[in-house]
């Protein structure tokens, strides 16, 4: 079994020049800062299996993958 979770992280300073940094829904309650979205896939023991970075204004519902290259099947 694999678990999929999203989080966002905001930045200040020169990191704002990164093209992935965008204003979007801020889980940190910092709408004044640009951010990026991190999707993390972990195994049943909580160890990272895979990750993907998205632009900071990416909607959560649009981050799911349509293929199975990063997903496992429940056993």
PDB file of N, CA and C in Angstrom:
ATOM      1  N   UNK A   1       0.843  -1.163   0.000  1.00  0.00           N
ATOM      2  CA  UNK A   1       0.000   0.000   0.000  1.00  0.00           C
ATOM      3  C   UNK A   1       0.891   1.230   0.000  1.00  0.00           C
ATOM      4  N   UNK A   2       0.533   2.215  -0.805  1.00  0.00           N
ATOM      5  CA  UNK A   2       1.236   3.490  -0.851  1.00  0.00           C
ATOM      6  C   UNK A   2       0.267   4.599  -0.467  1.00  0.00           C
ATOM      7  N   UNK A   3       0.763   5.597   0.230  1.00  0.00           N
ATOM      8  CA  UNK A   3      -0.047   6.739   0.641  1.00  0.00           C
ATOM      9  C   UNK A   3       0.436   7.991  -0.076  1.00  0.00           C
ATOM     10  N   UNK A   4      -0.482   8.833  -0.494  1.00  0.00           N
ATOM     11  CA  UNK A   4      -0.190  10.050  -1.264  1.00  0.00           C
ATOM     12  C   UNK A   4      -0.631  11.247  -0.445  1.00  0.00           C
ATOM     13  N   UNK A   5       0.263  12.205  -0.250  1.00  0.00           N
ATOM     14  CA  UNK A   5      -0.067  13.388   0.534  1.00  0.00           C
ATOM     15  C   UNK A   5       0.535  14.617  -0.122  1.00  0.00           C
ATOM     16  N   UNK A   6      -0.123  15.738   0.076  1.00  0.00           N
ATOM     17  CA  UNK A   6       0.348  17.011  -0.467  1.00  0.00           C
ATOM     18  C   UNK A   6       0.645  17.976   0.663  1.00  0.00           C
ATOM     19  N   UNK A   7       1.641  18.805   0.449  1.00  0.00           N
ATOM     20  CA  UNK A   7       1.901  19.916   1.348  1.00  0.00           C
ATOM     21  C   UNK A   7       2.447  21.056   0.507  1.00  0.00           C
ATOM     22  N   UNK A   8       2.508  22.209   1.098  1.00  0.00           N
ATOM     23  CA  UNK A   8       3.099  23.349   0.397  1.00  0.00           C
ATOM     24  C   UNK A   8       4.114  23.986   1.320  1.00  0.00           C
ATOM     25  N   UNK A   9       5.057  24.676   0.728  1.00  0.00           N
ATOM     26  CA  UNK A   9       6.045  25.392   1.514  1.00  0.00           C
ATOM     27  C   UNK A   9       6.256  26.754   0.879  1.00  0.00           C
ATOM     28  N   UNK A  10       6.329  27.766   1.702  1.00  0.00           N
ATOM     29  CA  UNK A  10       6.497  29.114   1.170  1.00  0.00           C
ATOM     30  C   UNK A  10       7.952  29.540   1.308  1.00  0.00           C
ATOM     31  N   UNK A  11       8.310  30.543   0.539  1.00  0.00           N
ATOM     32  CA  UNK A  11       9.682  31.054   0.554  1.00  0.00           C
ATOM     33  C   UNK A  11       9.660  32.564   0.652  1.00  0.00           C
ATOM     34  N   UNK A  12      10.787  33.084   1.082  1.00  0.00           N
ATOM     35  CA  UNK A  12      11.005  34.522   1.113  1.00  0.00           C
ATOM     36  C   UNK A  12      12.405  34.776   0.562  1.00  0.00           C
ATOM     37  N   UNK A  13      12.647  35.943   0.047  1.00  0.00           N
ATOM     38  CA  UNK A  13      13.982  36.285  -0.443  1.00  0.00           C
ATOM     39  C   UNK A  13      14.226  35.837  -1.863  1.00  0.00           C
ATOM     40  N   UNK A  14      15.476  35.483  -2.168  1.00  0.00           N
ATOM     41  CA  UNK A  14      15.868  35.191  -3.548  1.00  0.00           C
ATOM     42  C   UNK A  14      15.236  33.922  -4.102  1.00  0.00           C
ATOM     43  N   UNK A  15      14.776  33.018  -3.249  1.00  0.00           N
ATOM     44  CA  UNK A  15      14.121  31.803  -3.746  1.00  0.00           C
ATOM     45  C   UNK A  15      12.838  32.136  -4.495  1.00  0.00           C
ATOM     46  N   UNK A  16      12.284  33.312  -4.270  1.00  0.00           N
ATOM     47  CA  UNK A  16      11.069  33.711  -4.984  1.00  0.00           C
ATOM     48  C   UNK A  16      11.297  33.818  -6.482  1.00  0.00           C
ATOM     49  N   UNK A  17      12.548  33.857  -6.913  1.00  0.00           N
ATOM     50  CA  UNK A  17      12.865  33.953  -8.338  1.00  0.00           C
ATOM     51  C   UNK A  17      12.706  32.610  -9.052  1.00  0.00           C
ATOM     52  N   UNK A  18      12.523  31.518  -8.320  1.00  0.00           N
ATOM     53  CA  UNK A  18      12.308  30.201  -8.903  1.00  0.00           C
ATOM     54  C   UNK A  18      10.987  30.229  -9.681  1.00  0.00           C
ATOM     55  N   UNK A  19      10.969  29.775 -10.937  1.00  0.00           N
ATOM     56  CA  UNK A  19       9.743  29.857 -11.736  1.00  0.00           C
ATOM     57  C   UNK A  19       8.585  29.000 -11.210  1.00  0.00           C
ATOM     58  N   UNK A  20       8.847  28.025 -10.335  1.00  0.00           N
ATOM     59  CA  UNK A  20       7.769  27.204  -9.774  1.00  0.00           C
ATOM     60  C   UNK A  20       7.041  27.917  -8.645  1.00  0.00           C
ATOM     61  N   UNK A  21       7.650  28.961  -8.105  1.00  0.00           N
ATOM     62  CA  UNK A  21       7.047  29.676  -6.987  1.00  0.00           C
ATOM     63  C   UNK A  21       5.886  30.521  -7.482  1.00  0.00           C
ATOM     64  N   UNK A  22       4.716  30.287  -6.895  1.00  0.00           N
ATOM     65  CA  UNK A  22       3.519  31.013  -7.277  1.00  0.00           C
ATOM     66  C   UNK A  22       2.670  31.252  -6.036  1.00  0.00           C
ATOM     67  N   UNK A  23       1.812  32.220  -6.130  1.00  0.00           N
ATOM     68  CA  UNK A  23       0.835  32.416  -5.063  1.00  0.00           C
ATOM     69  C   UNK A  23      -0.314  31.444  -5.287  1.00  0.00           C
ATOM     70  N   UNK A  24      -0.741  30.803  -4.219  1.00  0.00           N
ATOM     71  CA  UNK A  24      -1.843  29.845  -4.291  1.00  0.00           C
ATOM     72  C   UNK A  24      -2.408  29.632  -2.905  1.00  0.00           C
ATOM     73  N   UNK A  25      -3.234  28.591  -2.757  1.00  0.00           N
ATOM     74  CA  UNK A  25      -3.800  28.287  -1.451  1.00  0.00           C
ATOM     75  C   UNK A  25      -2.658  27.979  -0.484  1.00  0.00           C
ATOM     76  N   UNK A  26      -2.548  28.750   0.591  1.00  0.00           N
ATOM     77  CA  UNK A  26      -1.450  28.598   1.540  1.00  0.00           C
ATOM     78  C   UNK A  26      -1.889  27.825   2.773  1.00  0.00           C
ATOM     79  N   UNK A  27      -1.375  26.615   2.925  1.00  0.00           N
ATOM     80  CA  UNK A  27      -1.645  25.826   4.126  1.00  0.00           C
ATOM     81  C   UNK A  27      -0.978  26.446   5.353  1.00  0.00           C
ATOM     82  N   UNK A  28       0.003  27.301   5.114  1.00  0.00           N
ATOM     83  CA  UNK A  28       0.727  27.980   6.194  1.00  0.00           C
ATOM     84  C   UNK A  28       0.102  29.323   6.549  1.00  0.00           C
ATOM     85  N   UNK A  29      -1.025  29.628   5.926  1.00  0.00           N
ATOM     86  CA  UNK A  29      -1.708  30.909   6.158  1.00  0.00           C
ATOM     87  C   UNK A  29      -0.785  32.093   5.843  1.00  0.00           C
ATOM     88  N   UNK A  30      -0.049  31.968   4.726  1.00  0.00           N
ATOM     89  CA  UNK A  30       0.844  33.036   4.280  1.00  0.00           C
ATOM     90  C   UNK A  30       0.528  33.412   2.839  1.00  0.00           C
ATOM     91  N   UNK A  31      -0.633  33.996   2.592  1.00  0.00           N
ATOM     92  CA  UNK A  31      -0.985  34.365   1.220  1.00  0.00           C
ATOM     93  C   UNK A  31      -0.081  35.451   0.645  1.00  0.00           C
ATOM     94  N   UNK A  32       0.729  36.079   1.500  1.00  0.00           N
ATOM     95  CA  UNK A  32       1.636  37.125   1.043  1.00  0.00           C
ATOM     96  C   UNK A  32       2.921  36.554   0.439  1.00  0.00           C
ATOM     97  N   UNK A  33       3.154  35.257   0.578  1.00  0.00           N
ATOM     98  CA  UNK A  33       4.401  34.638   0.099  1.00  0.00           C
ATOM     99  C   UNK A  33       4.128  33.685  -1.058  1.00  0.00           C
ATOM    100  N   UNK A  34       5.113  33.565  -1.942  1.00  0.00           N
ATOM    101  CA  UNK A  34       5.020  32.572  -3.000  1.00  0.00           C
ATOM    102  C   UNK A  34       5.388  31.212  -2.433  1.00  0.00           C
ATOM    103  N   UNK A  35       4.909  30.153  -3.076  1.00  0.00           N
ATOM    104  CA  UNK A  35       5.105  28.807  -2.552  1.00  0.00           C
ATOM    105  C   UNK A  35       5.234  27.808  -3.678  1.00  0.00           C
ATOM    106  N   UNK A  36       5.574  26.563  -3.319  1.00  0.00           N
ATOM    107  CA  UNK A  36       5.479  25.444  -4.235  1.00  0.00           C
ATOM    108  C   UNK A  36       4.739  24.333  -3.522  1.00  0.00           C
ATOM    109  N   UNK A  37       4.230  23.377  -4.301  1.00  0.00           N
ATOM    110  CA  UNK A  37       3.462  22.262  -3.760  1.00  0.00           C
ATOM    111  C   UNK A  37       4.306  21.001  -3.908  1.00  0.00           C
ATOM    112  N   UNK A  38       4.372  20.215  -2.844  1.00  0.00           N
ATOM    113  CA  UNK A  38       5.134  18.969  -2.820  1.00  0.00           C
ATOM    114  C   UNK A  38       4.172  17.809  -2.633  1.00  0.00           C
ATOM    115  N   UNK A  39       4.206  16.861  -3.562  1.00  0.00           N
ATOM    116  CA  UNK A  39       3.432  15.626  -3.440  1.00  0.00           C
ATOM    117  C   UNK A  39       4.402  14.544  -2.996  1.00  0.00           C
ATOM    118  N   UNK A  40       4.073  13.857  -1.919  1.00  0.00           N
ATOM    119  CA  UNK A  40       4.938  12.813  -1.368  1.00  0.00           C
ATOM    120  C   UNK A  40       4.171  11.503  -1.321  1.00  0.00           C
ATOM    121  N   UNK A  41       4.809  10.459  -1.821  1.00  0.00           N
ATOM    122  CA  UNK A  41       4.242   9.117  -1.755  1.00  0.00           C
ATOM    123  C   UNK A  41       5.112   8.318  -0.796  1.00  0.00           C
ATOM    124  N   UNK A  42       4.484   7.733   0.216  1.00  0.00           N
ATOM    125  CA  UNK A  42       5.218   6.939   1.202  1.00  0.00           C
ATOM    126  C   UNK A  42       4.655   5.521   1.237  1.00  0.00           C
ATOM    127  N   UNK A  43       5.504   4.569   1.679  1.00  0.00           N
ATOM    128  CA  UNK A  43       5.029   3.195   1.817  1.00  0.00           C
ATOM    129  C   UNK A  43       4.318   3.031   3.154  1.00  0.00           C
ATOM    130  N   UNK A  44       3.854   1.844   3.442  1.00  0.00           N
ATOM    131  CA  UNK A  44       3.064   1.633   4.661  1.00  0.00           C
ATOM    132  C   UNK A  44       3.875   1.825   5.934  1.00  0.00           C
ATOM    133  N   UNK A  45       5.199   1.826   5.835  1.00  0.00           N
ATOM    134  CA  UNK A  45       6.051   2.091   6.999  1.00  0.00           C
ATOM    135  C   UNK A  45       6.374   3.571   7.142  1.00  0.00           C
ATOM    136  N   UNK A  46       5.873   4.391   6.218  1.00  0.00           N
ATOM    137  CA  UNK A  46       6.099   5.827   6.286  1.00  0.00           C
ATOM    138  C   UNK A  46       7.377   6.299   5.615  1.00  0.00           C
ATOM    139  N   UNK A  47       8.057   5.409   4.886  1.00  0.00           N
ATOM    140  CA  UNK A  47       9.281   5.804   4.196  1.00  0.00           C
ATOM    141  C   UNK A  47       8.955   6.356   2.811  1.00  0.00           C
ATOM    142  N   UNK A  48       9.634   7.434   2.408  1.00  0.00           N
ATOM    143  CA  UNK A  48       9.368   8.025   1.090  1.00  0.00           C
ATOM    144  C   UNK A  48       9.615   7.026  -0.034  1.00  0.00           C
ATOM    145  N   UNK A  49       8.702   6.990  -0.968  1.00  0.00           N
ATOM    146  CA  UNK A  49       8.793   6.130  -2.139  1.00  0.00           C
ATOM    147  C   UNK A  49       9.044   6.971  -3.388  1.00  0.00           C
ATOM    148  N   UNK A  50       8.380   8.126  -3.444  1.00  0.00           N
ATOM    149  CA  UNK A  50       8.512   9.015  -4.583  1.00  0.00           C
ATOM    150  C   UNK A  50       7.996  10.398  -4.189  1.00  0.00           C
ATOM    151  N   UNK A  51       8.356  11.396  -4.987  1.00  0.00           N
ATOM    152  CA  UNK A  51       7.840  12.744  -4.760  1.00  0.00           C
ATOM    153  C   UNK A  51       7.730  13.459  -6.091  1.00  0.00           C
ATOM    154  N   UNK A  52       6.981  14.534  -6.083  1.00  0.00           N
ATOM    155  CA  UNK A  52       6.866  15.379  -7.271  1.00  0.00           C
ATOM    156  C   UNK A  52       6.617  16.810  -6.810  1.00  0.00           C
ATOM    157  N   UNK A  53       7.201  17.764  -7.495  1.00  0.00           N
ATOM    158  CA  UNK A  53       7.011  19.178  -7.190  1.00  0.00           C
ATOM    159  C   UNK A  53       6.083  19.798  -8.218  1.00  0.00           C
ATOM    160  N   UNK A  54       5.232  20.700  -7.743  1.00  0.00           N
ATOM    161  CA  UNK A  54       4.291  21.396  -8.615  1.00  0.00           C
ATOM    162  C   UNK A  54       4.380  22.895  -8.370  1.00  0.00           C
ATOM    163  N   UNK A  55       3.968  23.668  -9.367  1.00  0.00           N
ATOM    164  CA  UNK A  55       3.866  25.115  -9.192  1.00  0.00           C
ATOM    165  C   UNK A  55       2.998  25.415  -7.981  1.00  0.00           C
ATOM    166  N   UNK A  56       3.290  26.500  -7.307  1.00  0.00           N
ATOM    167  CA  UNK A  56       2.604  26.851  -6.076  1.00  0.00           C
ATOM    168  C   UNK A  56       1.131  27.155  -6.214  1.00  0.00           C
ATOM    169  N   UNK A  57       0.661  27.418  -7.420  1.00  0.00           N
ATOM    170  CA  UNK A  57      -0.769  27.700  -7.607  1.00  0.00           C
ATOM    171  C   UNK A  57      -1.528  26.483  -8.146  1.00  0.00           C
ATOM    172  N   UNK A  58      -0.912  25.322  -8.102  1.00  0.00           N
ATOM    173  CA  UNK A  58      -1.538  24.092  -8.611  1.00  0.00           C
ATOM    174  C   UNK A  58      -2.623  23.617  -7.651  1.00  0.00           C
ATOM    175  N   UNK A  59      -3.811  23.353  -8.160  1.00  0.00           N
ATOM    176  CA  UNK A  59      -4.917  22.862  -7.342  1.00  0.00           C
ATOM    177  C   UNK A  59      -4.655  21.411  -6.935  1.00  0.00           C
ATOM    178  N   UNK A  60      -4.984  21.078  -5.696  1.00  0.00           N
ATOM    179  CA  UNK A  60      -4.752  19.727  -5.187  1.00  0.00           C
ATOM    180  C   UNK A  60      -5.357  18.649  -6.078  1.00  0.00           C
ATOM    181  N   UNK A  61      -6.579  18.863  -6.533  1.00  0.00           N
ATOM    182  CA  UNK A  61      -7.269  17.837  -7.316  1.00  0.00           C
ATOM    183  C   UNK A  61      -6.606  17.582  -8.670  1.00  0.00           C
ATOM    184  N   UNK A  62      -5.747  18.479  -9.114  1.00  0.00           N
ATOM    185  CA  UNK A  62      -5.102  18.301 -10.417  1.00  0.00           C
ATOM    186  C   UNK A  62      -3.726  17.644 -10.298  1.00  0.00           C
ATOM    187  N   UNK A  63      -3.343  17.186  -9.105  1.00  0.00           N
ATOM    188  CA  UNK A  63      -2.018  16.600  -8.932  1.00  0.00           C
ATOM    189  C   UNK A  63      -2.003  15.090  -9.083  1.00  0.00           C
ATOM    190  N   UNK A  64      -3.158  14.444  -9.062  1.00  0.00           N
ATOM    191  CA  UNK A  64      -3.212  12.991  -9.194  1.00  0.00           C
ATOM    192  C   UNK A  64      -2.695  12.554 -10.547  1.00  0.00           C
ATOM    193  N   UNK A  65      -2.020  11.439 -10.571  1.00  0.00           N
ATOM    194  CA  UNK A  65      -1.448  10.934 -11.826  1.00  0.00           C
ATOM    195  C   UNK A  65      -2.465  10.060 -12.544  1.00  0.00           C
ATOM    196  N   UNK A  66      -2.478  10.161 -13.852  1.00  0.00           N
ATOM    197  CA  UNK A  66      -3.409   9.348 -14.632  1.00  0.00           C
ATOM    198  C   UNK A  66      -2.815   7.982 -14.962  1.00  0.00           C
ATOM    199  N   UNK A  67      -1.499   7.835 -14.813  1.00  0.00           N
ATOM    200  CA  UNK A  67      -0.888   6.526 -15.058  1.00  0.00           C
ATOM    201  C   UNK A  67      -0.556   5.877 -13.717  1.00  0.00           C
ATOM    202  N   UNK A  68      -0.035   4.676 -13.753  1.00  0.00           N
ATOM    203  CA  UNK A  68       0.242   3.970 -12.502  1.00  0.00           C
ATOM    204  C   UNK A  68       1.737   3.870 -12.227  1.00  0.00           C
ATOM    205  N   UNK A  69       2.543   4.726 -12.840  1.00  0.00           N
ATOM    206  CA  UNK A  69       3.992   4.609 -12.688  1.00  0.00           C
ATOM    207  C   UNK A  69       4.463   4.924 -11.281  1.00  0.00           C
ATOM    208  N   UNK A  70       3.680   5.675 -10.498  1.00  0.00           N
ATOM    209  CA  UNK A  70       4.084   6.010  -9.138  1.00  0.00           C
ATOM    210  C   UNK A  70       3.129   5.447  -8.095  1.00  0.00           C
ATOM    211  N   UNK A  71       2.205   4.628  -8.520  1.00  0.00           N
ATOM    212  CA  UNK A  71       1.220   4.094  -7.578  1.00  0.00           C
ATOM    213  C   UNK A  71       1.364   2.600  -7.445  1.00  0.00           C
ATOM    214  N   UNK A  72       1.075   2.112  -6.274  1.00  0.00           N
ATOM    215  CA  UNK A  72       1.059   0.675  -6.045  1.00  0.00           C
ATOM    216  C   UNK A  72      -0.371   0.198  -5.933  1.00  0.00           C
ATOM    217  N   UNK A  73      -0.544  -1.064  -5.791  1.00  0.00           N
ATOM    218  CA  UNK A  73      -1.888  -1.598  -5.587  1.00  0.00           C
ATOM    219  C   UNK A  73      -1.975  -2.105  -4.156  1.00  0.00           C
ATOM    220  N   UNK A  74      -3.143  -1.990  -3.597  1.00  0.00           N
ATOM    221  CA  UNK A  74      -3.321  -2.482  -2.236  1.00  0.00           C
ATOM    222  C   UNK A  74      -3.263  -3.996  -2.240  1.00  0.00           C
ATOM    223  N   UNK A  75      -2.649  -4.536  -1.198  1.00  0.00           N
ATOM    224  CA  UNK A  75      -2.576  -5.999  -1.093  1.00  0.00           C
ATOM    225  C   UNK A  75      -3.272  -6.464   0.146  1.00  0.00           C
TER     226      UNK A  75
END
